[in-house]
Amino acid sequence: MTNPQIDYAAMAAQWRAERETNLKASRTELLAKLRALGISEVTAEYEGYGDSGNVEDVTVQPAEVQLPEPLATEVGDFAWSLAYHHHPGFEGTVT
């Protein structure tokens, strides 16, 4: 049974604020790593199908800079988290 004493709206707002704080910290870390490599632009491509999807490719500019795989994964994870933060449930949308 639902506890009527719990303020679910306040709890959701707190979770949202915590996610936003974490995303800002992750963004700051990622930007420092990317800039250290001379990267000026990042594109994360999301591919969805059915009721699921994922970031499938991360490309950078200048194109001649090689993005290390662990950093590419980190960027892809960040992009997914950012999209989910702003559009929760997007990954389950069937079109």
Foldseek 3Di string as FASTA:
>chain_A
DDDPVDDVVVVVVVVLVVLVVVLVVLVVVLVVVCVVQVWDDKDFDWDADAQAIFGDDIATPPRVRDDDPVSRVSVRVSVVSVCCSVPPSPGGDHD
